[in-house]
Amino acid sequence: MYEAEPDQASFVSLVDEVGGDIPPRAVLDELIRVGAVALSPNGDVRLLDHAYIPARGTEEKLAILGADASELISAIAHNIAEPKDDAFLQRKVYYDNVGAEALHELRQRVRQLGGTFIQDVNQTLSAYDRDRHPEAPGGERKRTVVGVFYFDEDYEPPPSAPAPGKRKS
C-alpha cells in the first residue's frame, strides 16, 4: 500500500525509513516515470522488476559504465599486486561454440540466475551495512561492490601461429 496504518508496511514508511528527507510522493513519481513500479487503482505499489536498469542511452547508463569499468579494472589491478590470499573475487566462464539459436534462451536464463545471485549477495552485504545495522562490525569505513555481467559476440578464431622454423608472410 502507498499509505497504511502505522503498524502495517507501506511505501510511505519504506521511503521514510531509507529515503531521508525525500517526500514519498516524489520517490513514487520517479519510480513510476522510470518504469520500476506501478500504482494500482486501490493504492497498492507494485514492483515491476527486481532491479533498476536505466533507459537506453541515458546519462545514468554512462555513469554506470564509468563506475563499472573503473571497479573491474581496480579489482584486476588489486589481484595483480596482492597475494593470492588477499585477492578479490574475479571469475568468469567462457564458451566459444554456442549456437546463435540458443542465445535468446541463454540470455534470459543467465539474467535470471544473475538476478538471483545479486539479490543473495545484496542480502548478505546489507547485513554488514552499519547504516542499516549499527551493531554490525566496526572499523574504518569501506565500500564493497559485487557485479555480474553477461556478454556474447561473434566467434573469431585466434590467429594461427606459424609452424616452427617457418616465417609468417
C-alpha atoms as a PDB file:
ATOM      1  CA  MET A   1       0.000   0.000   0.000  1.00  0.00           C
ATOM      2  CA  TYR A   2       1.107   3.548  -0.663  1.00  0.00           C
ATOM      3  CA  GLU A   3      -0.187   4.554   2.777  1.00  0.00           C
ATOM      4  CA  ALA A   4      -1.260   2.197   5.547  1.00  0.00           C
ATOM      5  CA  GLU A   5      -1.963   2.048   9.260  1.00  0.00           C
ATOM      6  CA  PRO A   6       1.085   2.863  11.449  1.00  0.00           C
ATOM      7  CA  ASP A   7       1.765  -0.812  12.273  1.00  0.00           C
ATOM      8  CA  GLN A   8       1.498  -2.001   8.639  1.00  0.00           C
ATOM      9  CA  ALA A   9       4.103  -1.976   5.888  1.00  0.00           C
ATOM     10  CA  SER A  10       3.629   0.782   3.336  1.00  0.00           C
ATOM     11  CA  PHE A  11       5.524   2.596   0.621  1.00  0.00           C
ATOM     12  CA  VAL A  12       5.462   5.775   2.722  1.00  0.00           C
ATOM     13  CA  SER A  13       7.005   4.013   5.729  1.00  0.00           C
ATOM     14  CA  LEU A  14       9.665   2.430   3.492  1.00  0.00           C
ATOM     15  CA  VAL A  15      10.647   5.799   1.994  1.00  0.00           C
ATOM     16  CA  ASP A  16      10.633   7.390   5.450  1.00  0.00           C
ATOM     17  CA  GLU A  17      12.989   4.646   6.656  1.00  0.00           C
ATOM     18  CA  VAL A  18      15.502   4.684   3.781  1.00  0.00           C
ATOM     19  CA  GLY A  19      14.850   7.845   1.786  1.00  0.00           C
ATOM     20  CA  GLY A  20      15.984  10.504   4.200  1.00  0.00           C
ATOM     21  CA  ASP A  21      14.102  13.748   3.685  1.00  0.00           C
ATOM     22  CA  ILE A  22      12.782  12.990   0.177  1.00  0.00           C
ATOM     23  CA  PRO A  23       8.971  13.169   0.040  1.00  0.00           C
ATOM     24  CA  PRO A  24       7.447   9.703  -0.589  1.00  0.00           C
ATOM     25  CA  ARG A  25       5.283  11.010  -3.443  1.00  0.00           C
ATOM     26  CA  ALA A  26       8.366  12.358  -5.240  1.00  0.00           C
ATOM     27  CA  VAL A  27      10.046   8.943  -4.929  1.00  0.00           C
ATOM     28  CA  LEU A  28       6.905   7.191  -6.161  1.00  0.00           C
ATOM     29  CA  ASP A  29       6.510   9.549  -9.133  1.00  0.00           C
ATOM     30  CA  GLU A  30      10.123   8.963 -10.168  1.00  0.00           C
ATOM     31  CA  LEU A  31       9.816   5.179  -9.819  1.00  0.00           C
ATOM     32  CA  ILE A  32       6.666   5.281 -11.965  1.00  0.00           C
ATOM     33  CA  ARG A  33       8.411   7.532 -14.526  1.00  0.00           C
ATOM     34  CA  VAL A  34      11.322   5.107 -14.954  1.00  0.00           C
ATOM     35  CA  GLY A  35       9.029   2.076 -15.113  1.00  0.00           C
ATOM     36  CA  ALA A  36      10.179   0.453 -11.879  1.00  0.00           C
ATOM     37  CA  VAL A  37       6.760   0.414 -10.167  1.00  0.00           C
ATOM     38  CA  ALA A  38       3.071   0.829 -10.971  1.00  0.00           C
ATOM     39  CA  LEU A  39       0.346   2.250  -8.751  1.00  0.00           C
ATOM     40  CA  SER A  40      -2.877   0.229  -8.790  1.00  0.00           C
ATOM     41  CA  PRO A  41      -6.328   1.866  -8.544  1.00  0.00           C
ATOM     42  CA  ASN A  42      -6.669   0.644  -4.934  1.00  0.00           C
ATOM     43  CA  GLY A  43      -3.376   2.301  -3.935  1.00  0.00           C
ATOM     44  CA  ASP A  44      -1.014  -0.675  -3.997  1.00  0.00           C
ATOM     45  CA  VAL A  45       2.508  -0.006  -5.242  1.00  0.00           C
ATOM     46  CA  ARG A  46       3.585  -2.932  -7.414  1.00  0.00           C
ATOM     47  CA  LEU A  47       7.243  -3.605  -8.203  1.00  0.00           C
ATOM     48  CA  LEU A  48       7.638  -4.245 -11.941  1.00  0.00           C
ATOM     49  CA  ASP A  49      11.203  -5.556 -11.837  1.00  0.00           C
ATOM     50  CA  HIS A  50      13.646  -6.663  -9.151  1.00  0.00           C
ATOM     51  CA  ALA A  51      16.365  -4.356 -10.456  1.00  0.00           C
ATOM     52  CA  TYR A  52      16.506  -0.807 -11.737  1.00  0.00           C
ATOM     53  CA  ILE A  53      18.017  -0.566 -15.210  1.00  0.00           C
ATOM     54  CA  PRO A  54      18.105   2.937 -16.701  1.00  0.00           C
ATOM     55  CA  ALA A  55      16.597   3.581 -20.135  1.00  0.00           C
ATOM     56  CA  ARG A  56      18.861   3.055 -23.133  1.00  0.00           C
ATOM     57  CA  GLY A  57      21.349   5.812 -23.930  1.00  0.00           C
ATOM     58  CA  THR A  58      20.759   7.894 -20.819  1.00  0.00           C
ATOM     59  CA  GLU A  59      23.350   9.757 -18.795  1.00  0.00           C
ATOM     60  CA  GLU A  60      22.712   7.264 -15.985  1.00  0.00           C
ATOM     61  CA  LYS A  61      23.957   4.392 -18.172  1.00  0.00           C
ATOM     62  CA  LEU A  62      27.120   6.335 -18.983  1.00  0.00           C
ATOM     63  CA  ALA A  63      27.711   6.946 -15.273  1.00  0.00           C
ATOM     64  CA  ILE A  64      27.210   3.226 -14.587  1.00  0.00           C
ATOM     65  CA  LEU A  65      29.619   2.385 -17.420  1.00  0.00           C
ATOM     66  CA  GLY A  66      32.287   4.608 -15.908  1.00  0.00           C
ATOM     67  CA  ALA A  67      31.847   3.187 -12.417  1.00  0.00           C
ATOM     68  CA  ASP A  68      31.654  -0.461 -13.529  1.00  0.00           C
ATOM     69  CA  ALA A  69      34.721  -0.267 -15.773  1.00  0.00           C
ATOM     70  CA  SER A  70      36.707   1.504 -13.060  1.00  0.00           C
ATOM     71  CA  GLU A  71      35.694  -1.038 -10.407  1.00  0.00           C
ATOM     72  CA  LEU A  72      36.550  -4.029 -12.623  1.00  0.00           C
ATOM     73  CA  ILE A  73      39.952  -2.567 -13.516  1.00  0.00           C
ATOM     74  CA  SER A  74      40.599  -1.807  -9.836  1.00  0.00           C
ATOM     75  CA  ALA A  75      39.766  -5.419  -8.901  1.00  0.00           C
ATOM     76  CA  ILE A  76      42.100  -6.743 -11.607  1.00  0.00           C
ATOM     77  CA  ALA A  77      44.904  -4.366 -10.559  1.00  0.00           C
ATOM     78  CA  HIS A  78      44.449  -5.376  -6.913  1.00  0.00           C
ATOM     79  CA  ASN A  79      44.671  -9.068  -7.854  1.00  0.00           C
ATOM     80  CA  ILE A  80      47.870  -8.480  -9.826  1.00  0.00           C
ATOM     81  CA  ALA A  81      49.524  -6.594  -6.979  1.00  0.00           C
ATOM     82  CA  GLU A  82      48.295  -8.523  -3.936  1.00  0.00           C
ATOM     83  CA  PRO A  83      48.992 -12.059  -2.724  1.00  0.00           C
ATOM     84  CA  LYS A  84      46.527 -14.806  -3.647  1.00  0.00           C
ATOM     85  CA  ASP A  85      45.060 -14.914  -0.125  1.00  0.00           C
ATOM     86  CA  ASP A  86      44.042 -11.227  -0.414  1.00  0.00           C
ATOM     87  CA  ALA A  87      42.600 -11.454  -3.953  1.00  0.00           C
ATOM     88  CA  PHE A  88      39.189 -10.022  -4.801  1.00  0.00           C
ATOM     89  CA  LEU A  89      36.520 -12.137  -6.473  1.00  0.00           C
ATOM     90  CA  GLN A  90      37.282 -12.191 -10.208  1.00  0.00           C
ATOM     91  CA  ARG A  91      35.789 -15.141 -12.049  1.00  0.00           C
ATOM     92  CA  LYS A  92      34.193 -15.802 -15.402  1.00  0.00           C
ATOM     93  CA  VAL A  93      33.114 -18.686 -17.579  1.00  0.00           C
ATOM     94  CA  TYR A  94      33.826 -18.824 -21.306  1.00  0.00           C
ATOM     95  CA  TYR A  95      32.476 -20.973 -24.135  1.00  0.00           C
ATOM     96  CA  ASP A  96      33.288 -20.408 -27.807  1.00  0.00           C
ATOM     97  CA  ASN A  97      30.881 -22.772 -29.583  1.00  0.00           C
ATOM     98  CA  VAL A  98      27.351 -21.784 -28.531  1.00  0.00           C
ATOM     99  CA  GLY A  99      24.788 -21.786 -31.336  1.00  0.00           C
ATOM    100  CA  ALA A 100      23.193 -18.422 -32.137  1.00  0.00           C
ATOM    101  CA  GLU A 101      19.733 -20.015 -31.920  1.00  0.00           C
ATOM    102  CA  ALA A 102      20.309 -20.605 -28.183  1.00  0.00           C
ATOM    103  CA  LEU A 103      21.207 -17.010 -27.335  1.00  0.00           C
ATOM    104  CA  HIS A 104      17.709 -15.713 -26.593  1.00  0.00           C
ATOM    105  CA  GLU A 105      17.023 -18.523 -24.123  1.00  0.00           C
ATOM    106  CA  LEU A 106      20.556 -18.324 -22.734  1.00  0.00           C
ATOM    107  CA  ARG A 107      20.340 -14.554 -22.128  1.00  0.00           C
ATOM    108  CA  GLN A 108      17.007 -14.971 -20.323  1.00  0.00           C
ATOM    109  CA  ARG A 109      18.328 -17.781 -18.128  1.00  0.00           C
ATOM    110  CA  VAL A 110      21.603 -16.044 -17.281  1.00  0.00           C
ATOM    111  CA  ARG A 111      19.708 -12.818 -16.490  1.00  0.00           C
ATOM    112  CA  GLN A 112      17.520 -14.797 -14.070  1.00  0.00           C
ATOM    113  CA  LEU A 113      20.487 -16.548 -12.436  1.00  0.00           C
ATOM    114  CA  GLY A 114      22.439 -13.299 -12.188  1.00  0.00           C
ATOM    115  CA  GLY A 115      19.477 -11.509 -10.630  1.00  0.00           C
ATOM    116  CA  THR A 116      19.075 -14.234  -8.022  1.00  0.00           C
ATOM    117  CA  PHE A 117      22.799 -14.141  -7.273  1.00  0.00           C
ATOM    118  CA  ILE A 118      22.809 -10.347  -6.881  1.00  0.00           C
ATOM    119  CA  GLN A 119      19.754 -10.460  -4.594  1.00  0.00           C
ATOM    120  CA  ASP A 120      21.505 -13.054  -2.406  1.00  0.00           C
ATOM    121  CA  VAL A 121      24.712 -11.010  -2.315  1.00  0.00           C
ATOM    122  CA  ASN A 122      22.715  -7.857  -1.553  1.00  0.00           C
ATOM    123  CA  GLN A 123      21.080  -9.570   1.419  1.00  0.00           C
ATOM    124  CA  THR A 124      24.488 -10.723   2.686  1.00  0.00           C
ATOM    125  CA  LEU A 125      26.201  -7.346   2.260  1.00  0.00           C
ATOM    126  CA  SER A 126      23.294  -5.375   3.740  1.00  0.00           C
ATOM    127  CA  ALA A 127      23.653  -7.344   6.983  1.00  0.00           C
ATOM    128  CA  TYR A 128      27.097  -5.710   7.374  1.00  0.00           C
ATOM    129  CA  ASP A 129      26.000  -2.184   6.395  1.00  0.00           C
ATOM    130  CA  ARG A 130      26.253  -0.030   9.516  1.00  0.00           C
ATOM    131  CA  ASP A 131      23.614   2.455   8.269  1.00  0.00           C
ATOM    132  CA  ARG A 132      21.058  -0.369   8.322  1.00  0.00           C
ATOM    133  CA  HIS A 133      22.600  -2.343  11.184  1.00  0.00           C
ATOM    134  CA  PRO A 134      24.508  -0.145  13.649  1.00  0.00           C
ATOM    135  CA  GLU A 135      25.505  -3.286  15.559  1.00  0.00           C
ATOM    136  CA  ALA A 136      27.485  -4.608  12.531  1.00  0.00           C
ATOM    137  CA  PRO A 137      31.268  -4.971  12.965  1.00  0.00           C
ATOM    138  CA  GLY A 138      33.151  -1.676  13.291  1.00  0.00           C
ATOM    139  CA  GLY A 139      36.372  -0.353  11.854  1.00  0.00           C
ATOM    140  CA  GLU A 140      37.339   2.056   9.098  1.00  0.00           C
ATOM    141  CA  ARG A 141      34.536   2.779   6.616  1.00  0.00           C
ATOM    142  CA  LYS A 142      34.856   0.695   3.426  1.00  0.00           C
ATOM    143  CA  ARG A 143      32.834   0.359   0.219  1.00  0.00           C
ATOM    144  CA  THR A 144      32.044  -3.086  -1.225  1.00  0.00           C
ATOM    145  CA  VAL A 145      30.935  -3.903  -4.777  1.00  0.00           C
ATOM    146  CA  VAL A 146      29.917  -7.203  -6.390  1.00  0.00           C
ATOM    147  CA  GLY A 147      28.895  -7.169 -10.041  1.00  0.00           C
ATOM    148  CA  VAL A 148      27.730  -9.665 -12.643  1.00  0.00           C
ATOM    149  CA  PHE A 149      27.686  -9.290 -16.409  1.00  0.00           C
ATOM    150  CA  TYR A 150      26.835 -11.317 -19.497  1.00  0.00           C
ATOM    151  CA  PHE A 151      28.369 -10.850 -22.931  1.00  0.00           C
ATOM    152  CA  ASP A 152      28.164 -12.615 -26.280  1.00  0.00           C
ATOM    153  CA  GLU A 153      29.643 -11.840 -29.676  1.00  0.00           C
ATOM    154  CA  ASP A 154      30.543 -13.492 -32.959  1.00  0.00           C
ATOM    155  CA  TYR A 155      33.353 -16.010 -32.626  1.00  0.00           C
ATOM    156  CA  GLU A 156      36.678 -15.037 -34.122  1.00  0.00           C
ATOM    157  CA  PRO A 157      39.247 -17.841 -34.095  1.00  0.00           C
ATOM    158  CA  PRO A 158      42.630 -16.804 -32.778  1.00  0.00           C
ATOM    159  CA  PRO A 159      45.236 -16.153 -35.444  1.00  0.00           C
ATOM    160  CA  SER A 160      47.151 -19.327 -36.186  1.00  0.00           C
ATOM    161  CA  ALA A 161      50.767 -19.391 -35.162  1.00  0.00           C
ATOM    162  CA  PRO A 162      53.323 -20.124 -37.876  1.00  0.00           C
ATOM    163  CA  ALA A 163      54.823 -23.608 -37.808  1.00  0.00           C
ATOM    164  CA  PRO A 164      58.197 -23.810 -36.037  1.00  0.00           C
ATOM    165  CA  GLY A 165      61.007 -22.755 -38.344  1.00  0.00           C
ATOM    166  CA  LYS A 166      58.611 -21.099 -40.843  1.00  0.00           C
ATOM    167  CA  ARG A 167      58.182 -17.400 -41.337  1.00  0.00           C
ATOM    168  CA  LYS A 168      54.813 -15.719 -41.380  1.00  0.00           C
ATOM    169  CA  SER A 169      54.426 -13.746 -44.618  1.00  0.00           C
END
